[in-house]
Structures are given as structure tokens and as C-alpha cells.
mmCIF file of all heavy atoms, coordinates in Angstrom:
data_MODEL
# 
_entry.id   MODEL 
# 
loop_
_atom_site.group_PDB 
_atom_site.id 
_atom_site.type_symbol 
_atom_site.label_atom_id 
_atom_site.label_alt_id 
_atom_site.label_comp_id 
_atom_site.label_asym_id 
_atom_site.label_entity_id 
_atom_site.label_seq_id 
_atom_site.pdbx_PDB_ins_code 
_atom_site.Cartn_x 
_atom_site.Cartn_y 
_atom_site.Cartn_z 
_atom_site.occupancy 
_atom_site.B_iso_or_equiv 
_atom_site.pdbx_formal_charge 
_atom_site.auth_seq_id 
_atom_site.auth_comp_id 
_atom_site.auth_asym_id 
_atom_site.auth_atom_id 
_atom_site.pdbx_PDB_model_num 
ATOM 1   N N   . TYR A 1 1  ? 2.807  26.148 -3.863 1.00 0.00 ? 1  TYR A N   1 
ATOM 2   C CA  . TYR A 1 1  ? 3.157  25.526 -2.579 1.00 0.00 ? 1  TYR A CA  1 
ATOM 3   C C   . TYR A 1 1  ? 1.916  25.132 -1.799 1.00 0.00 ? 1  TYR A C   1 
ATOM 4   O O   . TYR A 1 1  ? 1.903  24.094 -1.129 1.00 0.00 ? 1  TYR A O   1 
ATOM 5   C CB  . TYR A 1 1  ? 4.045  26.461 -1.753 1.00 0.00 ? 1  TYR A CB  1 
ATOM 6   C CG  . TYR A 1 1  ? 5.377  26.718 -2.421 1.00 0.00 ? 1  TYR A CG  1 
ATOM 7   C CD1 . TYR A 1 1  ? 5.906  27.993 -2.493 1.00 0.00 ? 1  TYR A CD1 1 
ATOM 8   C CD2 . TYR A 1 1  ? 6.093  25.681 -3.014 1.00 0.00 ? 1  TYR A CD2 1 
ATOM 9   C CE1 . TYR A 1 1  ? 7.118  28.228 -3.130 1.00 0.00 ? 1  TYR A CE1 1 
ATOM 10  C CE2 . TYR A 1 1  ? 7.297  25.912 -3.653 1.00 0.00 ? 1  TYR A CE2 1 
ATOM 11  C CZ  . TYR A 1 1  ? 7.806  27.182 -3.708 1.00 0.00 ? 1  TYR A CZ  1 
ATOM 12  O OH  . TYR A 1 1  ? 8.994  27.408 -4.342 1.00 0.00 ? 1  TYR A OH  1 
ATOM 13  N N   . LYS A 1 2  ? 0.871  25.953 -1.902 1.00 0.00 ? 2  LYS A N   1 
ATOM 14  C CA  . LYS A 1 2  ? -0.381 25.612 -1.236 1.00 0.00 ? 2  LYS A CA  1 
ATOM 15  C C   . LYS A 1 2  ? -0.914 24.280 -1.766 1.00 0.00 ? 2  LYS A C   1 
ATOM 16  O O   . LYS A 1 2  ? -1.373 23.429 -1.006 1.00 0.00 ? 2  LYS A O   1 
ATOM 17  C CB  . LYS A 1 2  ? -1.409 26.720 -1.454 1.00 0.00 ? 2  LYS A CB  1 
ATOM 18  C CG  . LYS A 1 2  ? -1.145 27.934 -0.609 1.00 0.00 ? 2  LYS A CG  1 
ATOM 19  C CD  . LYS A 1 2  ? -1.829 29.212 -1.016 1.00 0.00 ? 2  LYS A CD  1 
ATOM 20  C CE  . LYS A 1 2  ? -3.237 29.177 -1.395 1.00 0.00 ? 2  LYS A CE  1 
ATOM 21  N NZ  . LYS A 1 2  ? -3.828 30.511 -1.616 1.00 0.00 ? 2  LYS A NZ  1 
ATOM 22  N N   . GLU A 1 3  ? -0.848 24.107 -3.078 1.00 0.00 ? 3  GLU A N   1 
ATOM 23  C CA  . GLU A 1 3  ? -1.338 22.857 -3.677 1.00 0.00 ? 3  GLU A CA  1 
ATOM 24  C C   . GLU A 1 3  ? -0.435 21.681 -3.323 1.00 0.00 ? 3  GLU A C   1 
ATOM 25  O O   . GLU A 1 3  ? -0.907 20.576 -3.081 1.00 0.00 ? 3  GLU A O   1 
ATOM 26  C CB  . GLU A 1 3  ? -1.458 23.005 -5.195 1.00 0.00 ? 3  GLU A CB  1 
ATOM 27  C CG  . GLU A 1 3  ? -2.612 23.884 -5.633 1.00 0.00 ? 3  GLU A CG  1 
ATOM 28  C CD  . GLU A 1 3  ? -3.936 23.446 -5.042 1.00 0.00 ? 3  GLU A CD  1 
ATOM 29  O OE1 . GLU A 1 3  ? -4.267 22.243 -5.094 1.00 0.00 ? 3  GLU A OE1 1 
ATOM 30  O OE2 . GLU A 1 3  ? -4.651 24.305 -4.502 1.00 0.00 ? 3  GLU A OE2 1 
ATOM 31  N N   . ILE A 1 4  ? 0.879  21.906 -3.301 1.00 0.00 ? 4  ILE A N   1 
ATOM 32  C CA  . ILE A 1 4  ? 1.819  20.827 -2.948 1.00 0.00 ? 4  ILE A CA  1 
ATOM 33  C C   . ILE A 1 4  ? 1.529  20.312 -1.543 1.00 0.00 ? 4  ILE A C   1 
ATOM 34  O O   . ILE A 1 4  ? 1.504  19.097 -1.306 1.00 0.00 ? 4  ILE A O   1 
ATOM 35  C CB  . ILE A 1 4  ? 3.282  21.311 -3.063 1.00 0.00 ? 4  ILE A CB  1 
ATOM 36  C CG1 . ILE A 1 4  ? 3.668  21.513 -4.529 1.00 0.00 ? 4  ILE A CG1 1 
ATOM 37  C CG2 . ILE A 1 4  ? 4.251  20.311 -2.410 1.00 0.00 ? 4  ILE A CG2 1 
ATOM 38  C CD1 . ILE A 1 4  ? 5.006  22.210 -4.730 1.00 0.00 ? 4  ILE A CD1 1 
ATOM 39  N N   . ILE A 1 5  ? 1.301  21.225 -0.608 1.00 0.00 ? 5  ILE A N   1 
ATOM 40  C CA  . ILE A 1 5  ? 1.045  20.825 0.781  1.00 0.00 ? 5  ILE A CA  1 
ATOM 41  C C   . ILE A 1 5  ? -0.185 19.932 0.871  1.00 0.00 ? 5  ILE A C   1 
ATOM 42  O O   . ILE A 1 5  ? -0.209 18.967 1.639  1.00 0.00 ? 5  ILE A O   1 
ATOM 43  C CB  . ILE A 1 5  ? 0.890  22.072 1.680  1.00 0.00 ? 5  ILE A CB  1 
ATOM 44  C CG1 . ILE A 1 5  ? 2.240  22.787 1.820  1.00 0.00 ? 5  ILE A CG1 1 
ATOM 45  C CG2 . ILE A 1 5  ? 0.333  21.705 3.055  1.00 0.00 ? 5  ILE A CG2 1 
ATOM 46  C CD1 . ILE A 1 5  ? 2.166  24.156 2.455  1.00 0.00 ? 5  ILE A CD1 1 
ATOM 47  N N   . ARG A 1 6  ? -1.193 20.190 0.055  1.00 0.00 ? 6  ARG A N   1 
ATOM 48  C CA  . ARG A 1 6  ? -2.451 19.443 0.135  1.00 0.00 ? 6  ARG A CA  1 
ATOM 49  C C   . ARG A 1 6  ? -2.472 18.176 -0.720 1.00 0.00 ? 6  ARG A C   1 
ATOM 50  O O   . ARG A 1 6  ? -3.482 17.484 -0.770 1.00 0.00 ? 6  ARG A O   1 
ATOM 51  C CB  . ARG A 1 6  ? -3.612 20.357 -0.259 1.00 0.00 ? 6  ARG A CB  1 
ATOM 52  C CG  . ARG A 1 6  ? -3.836 21.479 0.740  1.00 0.00 ? 6  ARG A CG  1 
ATOM 53  C CD  . ARG A 1 6  ? -4.883 22.463 0.260  1.00 0.00 ? 6  ARG A CD  1 
ATOM 54  N NE  . ARG A 1 6  ? -6.121 21.814 -0.137 1.00 0.00 ? 6  ARG A NE  1 
ATOM 55  C CZ  . ARG A 1 6  ? -7.104 21.491 0.686  1.00 0.00 ? 6  ARG A CZ  1 
ATOM 56  N NH1 . ARG A 1 6  ? -7.005 21.756 1.969  1.00 0.00 ? 6  ARG A NH1 1 
ATOM 57  N NH2 . ARG A 1 6  ? -8.188 20.905 0.235  1.00 0.00 ? 6  ARG A NH2 1 
ATOM 58  N N   . THR A 1 7  ? -1.366 17.838 -1.369 1.00 0.00 ? 7  THR A N   1 
ATOM 59  C CA  . THR A 1 7  ? -1.330 16.650 -2.221 1.00 0.00 ? 7  THR A CA  1 
ATOM 60  C C   . THR A 1 7  ? -1.160 15.373 -1.399 1.00 0.00 ? 7  THR A C   1 
ATOM 61  O O   . THR A 1 7  ? -0.620 15.415 -0.287 1.00 0.00 ? 7  THR A O   1 
ATOM 62  C CB  . THR A 1 7  ? -0.172 16.716 -3.235 1.00 0.00 ? 7  THR A CB  1 
ATOM 63  O OG1 . THR A 1 7  ? 1.053  16.826 -2.511 1.00 0.00 ? 7  THR A OG1 1 
ATOM 64  C CG2 . THR A 1 7  ? -0.333 17.873 -4.191 1.00 0.00 ? 7  THR A CG2 1 
ATOM 65  N N   . PRO A 1 8  ? -1.565 14.222 -1.962 1.00 0.00 ? 8  PRO A N   1 
ATOM 66  C CA  . PRO A 1 8  ? -1.327 12.946 -1.288 1.00 0.00 ? 8  PRO A CA  1 
ATOM 67  C C   . PRO A 1 8  ? 0.164  12.678 -1.053 1.00 0.00 ? 8  PRO A C   1 
ATOM 68  O O   . PRO A 1 8  ? 0.520  11.985 -0.099 1.00 0.00 ? 8  PRO A O   1 
ATOM 69  C CB  . PRO A 1 8  ? -1.919 11.909 -2.256 1.00 0.00 ? 8  PRO A CB  1 
ATOM 70  C CG  . PRO A 1 8  ? -2.954 12.660 -3.013 1.00 0.00 ? 8  PRO A CG  1 
ATOM 71  C CD  . PRO A 1 8  ? -2.415 14.060 -3.149 1.00 0.00 ? 8  PRO A CD  1 
ATOM 72  N N   . PHE A 1 9  ? 1.023  13.248 -1.885 1.00 0.00 ? 9  PHE A N   1 
ATOM 73  C CA  . PHE A 1 9  ? 2.477  13.061 -1.709 1.00 0.00 ? 9  PHE A CA  1 
ATOM 74  C C   . PHE A 1 9  ? 2.908  13.522 -0.314 1.00 0.00 ? 9  PHE A C   1 
ATOM 75  O O   . PHE A 1 9  ? 3.654  12.818 0.375  1.00 0.00 ? 9  PHE A O   1 
ATOM 76  C CB  . PHE A 1 9  ? 3.239  13.858 -2.791 1.00 0.00 ? 9  PHE A CB  1 
ATOM 77  C CG  . PHE A 1 9  ? 4.727  13.767 -2.665 1.00 0.00 ? 9  PHE A CG  1 
ATOM 78  C CD1 . PHE A 1 9  ? 5.406  12.638 -3.079 1.00 0.00 ? 9  PHE A CD1 1 
ATOM 79  C CD2 . PHE A 1 9  ? 5.459  14.819 -2.122 1.00 0.00 ? 9  PHE A CD2 1 
ATOM 80  C CE1 . PHE A 1 9  ? 6.779  12.547 -2.957 1.00 0.00 ? 9  PHE A CE1 1 
ATOM 81  C CE2 . PHE A 1 9  ? 6.832  14.741 -1.998 1.00 0.00 ? 9  PHE A CE2 1 
ATOM 82  C CZ  . PHE A 1 9  ? 7.497  13.601 -2.416 1.00 0.00 ? 9  PHE A CZ  1 
ATOM 83  N N   . ILE A 1 10 ? 2.436  14.678 0.119  1.00 0.00 ? 10 ILE A N   1 
ATOM 84  C CA  . ILE A 1 10 ? 2.781  15.196 1.450  1.00 0.00 ? 10 ILE A CA  1 
ATOM 85  C C   . ILE A 1 10 ? 1.914  14.520 2.517  1.00 0.00 ? 10 ILE A C   1 
ATOM 86  O O   . ILE A 1 10 ? 2.422  14.058 3.540  1.00 0.00 ? 10 ILE A O   1 
ATOM 87  C CB  . ILE A 1 10 ? 2.589  16.733 1.507  1.00 0.00 ? 10 ILE A CB  1 
ATOM 88  C CG1 . ILE A 1 10 ? 3.540  17.438 0.533  1.00 0.00 ? 10 ILE A CG1 1 
ATOM 89  C CG2 . ILE A 1 10 ? 2.788  17.256 2.928  1.00 0.00 ? 10 ILE A CG2 1 
ATOM 90  C CD1 . ILE A 1 10 ? 5.003  17.352 0.855  1.00 0.00 ? 10 ILE A CD1 1 
ATOM 91  N N   . MET A 1 11 ? 0.612  14.435 2.275  1.00 0.00 ? 11 MET A N   1 
ATOM 92  C CA  . MET A 1 11 ? -0.299 13.901 3.289  1.00 0.00 ? 11 MET A CA  1 
ATOM 93  C C   . MET A 1 11 ? -0.021 12.427 3.604  1.00 0.00 ? 11 MET A C   1 
ATOM 94  O O   . MET A 1 11 ? -0.110 12.018 4.757  1.00 0.00 ? 11 MET A O   1 
ATOM 95  C CB  . MET A 1 11 ? -1.754 14.084 2.849  1.00 0.00 ? 11 MET A CB  1 
ATOM 96  C CG  . MET A 1 11 ? -2.185 15.537 2.739  1.00 0.00 ? 11 MET A CG  1 
ATOM 97  S SD  . MET A 1 11 ? -1.906 16.448 4.261  1.00 0.00 ? 11 MET A SD  1 
ATOM 98  C CE  . MET A 1 11 ? -2.414 18.075 3.770  1.00 0.00 ? 11 MET A CE  1 
ATOM 99  N N   . ASP A 1 12 ? 0.313  11.632 2.586  1.00 0.00 ? 12 ASP A N   1 
ATOM 100 C CA  . ASP A 1 12 ? 0.646  10.219 2.827  1.00 0.00 ? 12 ASP A CA  1 
ATOM 101 C C   . ASP A 1 12 ? 1.877  10.083 3.713  1.00 0.00 ? 12 ASP A C   1 
ATOM 102 O O   . ASP A 1 12 ? 1.943  9.215  4.580  1.00 0.00 ? 12 ASP A O   1 
ATOM 103 C CB  . ASP A 1 12 ? 0.875  9.485  1.503  1.00 0.00 ? 12 ASP A CB  1 
ATOM 104 C CG  . ASP A 1 12 ? -0.417 9.241  0.735  1.00 0.00 ? 12 ASP A CG  1 
ATOM 105 O OD1 . ASP A 1 12 ? -1.502 9.384  1.338  1.00 0.00 ? 12 ASP A OD1 1 
ATOM 106 O OD2 . ASP A 1 12 ? -0.352 8.916  -0.466 1.00 0.00 ? 12 ASP A OD2 1 
ATOM 107 N N   . LYS A 1 13 ? 2.850  10.961 3.511  1.00 0.00 ? 13 LYS A N   1 
ATOM 108 C CA  . LYS A 1 13 ? 4.062  10.922 4.349  1.00 0.00 ? 13 LYS A CA  1 
ATOM 109 C C   . LYS A 1 13 ? 3.749  11.335 5.785  1.00 0.00 ? 13 LYS A C   1 
ATOM 110 O O   . LYS A 1 13 ? 4.316  10.787 6.727  1.00 0.00 ? 13 LYS A O   1 
ATOM 111 C CB  . LYS A 1 13 ? 5.131  11.830 3.746  1.00 0.00 ? 13 LYS A CB  1 
ATOM 112 C CG  . LYS A 1 13 ? 5.813  11.197 2.550  1.00 0.00 ? 13 LYS A CG  1 
ATOM 113 C CD  . LYS A 1 13 ? 7.154  11.841 2.290  1.00 0.00 ? 13 LYS A CD  1 
ATOM 114 C CE  . LYS A 1 13 ? 8.023  11.023 1.444  1.00 0.00 ? 13 LYS A CE  1 
ATOM 115 N NZ  . LYS A 1 13 ? 7.972  10.830 0.125  1.00 0.00 ? 13 LYS A NZ  1 
ATOM 116 N N   . VAL A 1 14 ? 2.847  12.300 5.949  1.00 0.00 ? 14 VAL A N   1 
ATOM 117 C CA  . VAL A 1 14 ? 2.445  12.717 7.297  1.00 0.00 ? 14 VAL A CA  1 
ATOM 118 C C   . VAL A 1 14 ? 1.797  11.546 8.028  1.00 0.00 ? 14 VAL A C   1 
ATOM 119 O O   . VAL A 1 14 ? 2.118  11.265 9.182  1.00 0.00 ? 14 VAL A O   1 
ATOM 120 C CB  . VAL A 1 14 ? 1.482  13.926 7.241  1.00 0.00 ? 14 VAL A CB  1 
ATOM 121 C CG1 . VAL A 1 14 ? 0.899  14.223 8.622  1.00 0.00 ? 14 VAL A CG1 1 
ATOM 122 C CG2 . VAL A 1 14 ? 2.185  15.162 6.689  1.00 0.00 ? 14 VAL A CG2 1 
ATOM 123 N N   . VAL A 1 15 ? 0.905  10.847 7.326  1.00 0.00 ? 15 VAL A N   1 
ATOM 124 C CA  . VAL A 1 15 ? 0.231  9.690  7.926  1.00 0.00 ? 15 VAL A CA  1 
ATOM 125 C C   . VAL A 1 15 ? 1.234  8.580  8.253  1.00 0.00 ? 15 VAL A C   1 
ATOM 126 O O   . VAL A 1 15 ? 1.196  7.981  9.330  1.00 0.00 ? 15 VAL A O   1 
ATOM 127 C CB  . VAL A 1 15 ? -0.882 9.161  6.983  1.00 0.00 ? 15 VAL A CB  1 
ATOM 128 C CG1 . VAL A 1 15 ? -1.436 7.831  7.470  1.00 0.00 ? 15 VAL A CG1 1 
ATOM 129 C CG2 . VAL A 1 15 ? -1.995 10.192 6.858  1.00 0.00 ? 15 VAL A CG2 1 
ATOM 130 N N   . GLN A 1 16 ? 2.154  8.340  7.321  1.00 0.00 ? 16 GLN A N   1 
ATOM 131 C CA  . GLN A 1 16 ? 3.156  7.289  7.493  1.00 0.00 ? 16 GLN A CA  1 
ATOM 132 C C   . GLN A 1 16 ? 4.092  7.589  8.663  1.00 0.00 ? 16 GLN A C   1 
ATOM 133 O O   . GLN A 1 16 ? 4.407  6.699  9.454  1.00 0.00 ? 16 GLN A O   1 
ATOM 134 C CB  . GLN A 1 16 ? 3.960  7.161  6.200  1.00 0.00 ? 16 GLN A CB  1 
ATOM 135 C CG  . GLN A 1 16 ? 5.040  6.098  6.237  1.00 0.00 ? 16 GLN A CG  1 
ATOM 136 C CD  . GLN A 1 16 ? 5.885  6.119  4.955  1.00 0.00 ? 16 GLN A CD  1 
ATOM 137 O OE1 . GLN A 1 16 ? 5.691  6.950  4.072  1.00 0.00 ? 16 GLN A OE1 1 
ATOM 138 N NE2 . GLN A 1 16 ? 6.826  5.209  4.889  1.00 0.00 ? 16 GLN A NE2 1 
ATOM 139 N N   . LEU A 1 17 ? 4.517  8.831  8.810  1.00 0.00 ? 17 LEU A N   1 
ATOM 140 C CA  . LEU A 1 17 ? 5.469  9.204  9.857  1.00 0.00 ? 17 LEU A CA  1 
ATOM 141 C C   . LEU A 1 17 ? 4.807  9.452  11.209 1.00 0.00 ? 17 LEU A C   1 
ATOM 142 O O   . LEU A 1 17 ? 5.489  9.519  12.232 1.00 0.00 ? 17 LEU A O   1 
ATOM 143 C CB  . LEU A 1 17 ? 6.250  10.465 9.445  1.00 0.00 ? 17 LEU A CB  1 
ATOM 144 C CG  . LEU A 1 17 ? 7.174  10.309 8.238  1.00 0.00 ? 17 LEU A CG  1 
ATOM 145 C CD1 . LEU A 1 17 ? 7.717  11.666 7.799  1.00 0.00 ? 17 LEU A CD1 1 
ATOM 146 C CD2 . LEU A 1 17 ? 8.324  9.358  8.558  1.00 0.00 ? 17 LEU A CD2 1 
ATOM 147 N N   . ASN A 1 18 ? 3.481  9.594  11.213 1.00 0.00 ? 18 ASN A N   1 
ATOM 148 C CA  . ASN A 1 18 ? 2.759  9.904  12.458 1.00 0.00 ? 18 ASN A CA  1 
ATOM 149 C C   . ASN A 1 18 ? 1.571  8.976  12.650 1.00 0.00 ? 18 ASN A C   1 
ATOM 150 O O   . ASN A 1 18 ? 0.415  9.429  12.640 1.00 0.00 ? 18 ASN A O   1 
ATOM 151 C CB  . ASN A 1 18 ? 2.284  11.361 12.435 1.00 0.00 ? 18 ASN A CB  1 
ATOM 152 C CG  . ASN A 1 18 ? 3.426  12.338 12.313 1.00 0.00 ? 18 ASN A CG  1 
ATOM 153 O OD1 . ASN A 1 18 ? 4.070  12.662 13.287 1.00 0.00 ? 18 ASN A OD1 1 
ATOM 154 N ND2 . ASN A 1 18 ? 3.691  12.791 11.103 1.00 0.00 ? 18 ASN A ND2 1 
ATOM 155 N N   . PRO A 1 19 ? 1.808  7.678  12.851 1.00 0.00 ? 19 PRO A N   1 
ATOM 156 C CA  . PRO A 1 19 ? 0.683  6.741  13.017 1.00 0.00 ? 19 PRO A CA  1 
ATOM 157 C C   . PRO A 1 19 ? -0.152 7.029  14.271 1.00 0.00 ? 19 PRO A C   1 
ATOM 158 O O   . PRO A 1 19 ? -1.313 6.646  14.343 1.00 0.00 ? 19 PRO A O   1 
ATOM 159 C CB  . PRO A 1 19 ? 1.364  5.370  13.113 1.00 0.00 ? 19 PRO A CB  1 
ATOM 160 C CG  . PRO A 1 19 ? 2.777  5.661  13.512 1.00 0.00 ? 19 PRO A CG  1 
ATOM 161 C CD  . PRO A 1 19 ? 3.107  7.014  12.966 1.00 0.00 ? 19 PRO A CD  1 
ATOM 162 N N   . ASN A 1 20 ? 0.436  7.724  15.242 1.00 0.00 ? 20 ASN A N   1 
ATOM 163 C CA  . ASN A 1 20 ? -0.294 8.053  16.474 1.00 0.00 ? 20 ASN A CA  1 
ATOM 164 C C   . ASN A 1 20 ? -1.455 9.023  16.223 1.00 0.00 ? 20 ASN A C   1 
ATOM 165 O O   . ASN A 1 20 ? -2.354 9.132  17.047 1.00 0.00 ? 20 ASN A O   1 
ATOM 166 C CB  . ASN A 1 20 ? 0.654  8.648  17.508 1.00 0.00 ? 20 ASN A CB  1 
ATOM 167 C CG  . ASN A 1 20 ? 1.346  9.908  16.997 1.00 0.00 ? 20 ASN A CG  1 
ATOM 168 O OD1 . ASN A 1 20 ? 1.738  9.992  15.833 1.00 0.00 ? 20 ASN A OD1 1 
ATOM 169 N ND2 . ASN A 1 20 ? 1.511  10.882 17.862 1.00 0.00 ? 20 ASN A ND2 1 
ATOM 170 N N   . LEU A 1 21 ? -1.453 9.715  15.081 1.00 0.00 ? 21 LEU A N   1 
ATOM 171 C CA  . LEU A 1 21 ? -2.547 10.635 14.755 1.00 0.00 ? 21 LEU A CA  1 
ATOM 172 C C   . LEU A 1 21 ? -3.827 9.879  14.406 1.00 0.00 ? 21 LEU A C   1 
ATOM 173 O O   . LEU A 1 21 ? -4.926 10.408 14.546 1.00 0.00 ? 21 LEU A O   1 
ATOM 174 C CB  . LEU A 1 21 ? -2.158 11.551 13.591 1.00 0.00 ? 21 LEU A CB  1 
ATOM 175 C CG  . LEU A 1 21 ? -1.018 12.531 13.850 1.00 0.00 ? 21 LEU A CG  1 
ATOM 176 C CD1 . LEU A 1 21 ? -0.665 13.279 12.579 1.00 0.00 ? 21 LEU A CD1 1 
ATOM 177 C CD2 . LEU A 1 21 ? -1.382 13.489 14.969 1.00 0.00 ? 21 LEU A CD2 1 
ATOM 178 N N   . GLU A 1 22 ? -3.673 8.655  13.911 1.00 0.00 ? 22 GLU A N   1 
ATOM 179 C CA  . GLU A 1 22 ? -4.808 7.796  13.559 1.00 0.00 ? 22 GLU A CA  1 
ATOM 180 C C   . GLU A 1 22 ? -5.780 8.487  12.607 1.00 0.00 ? 22 GLU A C   1 
ATOM 181 O O   . GLU A 1 22 ? -6.988 8.549  12.849 1.00 0.00 ? 22 GLU A O   1 
ATOM 182 C CB  . GLU A 1 22 ? -5.533 7.324  14.819 1.00 0.00 ? 22 GLU A CB  1 
ATOM 183 C CG  . GLU A 1 22 ? -4.656 6.487  15.732 1.00 0.00 ? 22 GLU A CG  1 
ATOM 184 C CD  . GLU A 1 22 ? -5.336 6.104  17.028 1.00 0.00 ? 22 GLU A CD  1 
ATOM 185 O OE1 . GLU A 1 22 ? -6.439 6.614  17.316 1.00 0.00 ? 22 GLU A OE1 1 
ATOM 186 O OE2 . GLU A 1 22 ? -4.764 5.280  17.755 1.00 0.00 ? 22 GLU A OE2 1 
ATOM 187 N N   . VAL A 1 23 ? -5.221 9.029  11.512 1.00 0.00 ? 23 VAL A N   1 
ATOM 188 C CA  . VAL A 1 23 ? -6.025 9.687  10.480 1.00 0.00 ? 23 VAL A CA  1 
ATOM 189 C C   . VAL A 1 23 ? -5.578 9.200  9.112  1.00 0.00 ? 23 VAL A C   1 
ATOM 190 O O   . VAL A 1 23 ? -4.493 8.660  8.962  1.00 0.00 ? 23 VAL A O   1 
ATOM 191 C CB  . VAL A 1 23 ? -5.893 11.230 10.544 1.00 0.00 ? 23 VAL A CB  1 
ATOM 192 C CG1 . VAL A 1 23 ? -6.498 11.779 11.811 1.00 0.00 ? 23 VAL A CG1 1 
ATOM 193 C CG2 . VAL A 1 23 ? -4.456 11.670 10.413 1.00 0.00 ? 23 VAL A CG2 1 
ATOM 194 N N   . SER A 1 24 ? -6.437 9.420  8.117  1.00 0.00 ? 24 SER A N   1 
ATOM 195 C CA  . SER A 1 24 ? -6.076 9.078  6.744  1.00 0.00 ? 24 SER A CA  1 
ATOM 196 C C   . SER A 1 24 ? -5.622 10.343 6.022  1.00 0.00 ? 24 SER A C   1 
ATOM 197 O O   . SER A 1 24 ? -5.906 11.457 6.457  1.00 0.00 ? 24 SER A O   1 
ATOM 198 C CB  . SER A 1 24 ? -7.276 8.474  6.015  1.00 0.00 ? 24 SER A CB  1 
ATOM 199 O OG  . SER A 1 24 ? -8.278 9.464  5.844  1.00 0.00 ? 24 SER A OG  1 
ATOM 200 N N   . SER A 1 25 ? -4.959 10.160 4.900  1.00 0.00 ? 25 SER A N   1 
ATOM 201 C CA  . SER A 1 25 ? -4.513 11.326 4.126  1.00 0.00 ? 25 SER A CA  1 
ATOM 202 C C   . SER A 1 25 ? -5.714 12.083 3.555  1.00 0.00 ? 25 SER A C   1 
ATOM 203 O O   . SER A 1 25 ? -5.674 13.308 3.424  1.00 0.00 ? 25 SER A O   1 
ATOM 204 C CB  . SER A 1 25 ? -3.534 10.913 3.025  1.00 0.00 ? 25 SER A CB  1 
ATOM 205 O OG  . SER A 1 25 ? -4.124 9.971  2.175  1.00 0.00 ? 25 SER A OG  1 
ATOM 206 N N   . ASP A 1 26 ? -6.794 11.372 3.227  1.00 0.00 ? 26 ASP A N   1 
ATOM 207 C CA  . ASP A 1 26 ? -8.012 12.046 2.744  1.00 0.00 ? 26 ASP A CA  1 
ATOM 208 C C   . ASP A 1 26 ? -8.596 12.951 3.829  1.00 0.00 ? 26 ASP A C   1 
ATOM 209 O O   . ASP A 1 26 ? -9.022 14.075 3.555  1.00 0.00 ? 26 ASP A O   1 
ATOM 210 C CB  . ASP A 1 26 ? -9.074 11.027 2.318  1.00 0.00 ? 26 ASP A CB  1 
ATOM 211 C CG  . ASP A 1 26 ? -8.690 10.298 1.046  1.00 0.00 ? 26 ASP A CG  1 
ATOM 212 O OD1 . ASP A 1 26 ? -7.897 10.851 0.262  1.00 0.00 ? 26 ASP A OD1 1 
ATOM 213 O OD2 . ASP A 1 26 ? -9.181 9.179  0.832  1.00 0.00 ? 26 ASP A OD2 1 
# 
């Protein structure tokens, strides 16, 4: 689960759903 959370699969969705954060998945 730790690895899943840090994958682009999760991080890309965070970026996509929260454009106000103004960050990249990297």
C-alpha cells in the first residue's frame, strides 16, 4: 500500500482532481 500511494497512478489523479495545488505528480 505504501508503494501504491507513491505511484503515478495515484499521484496523477491527485494532480488532476486538485489543479489548485499547482504541483506535478513527480
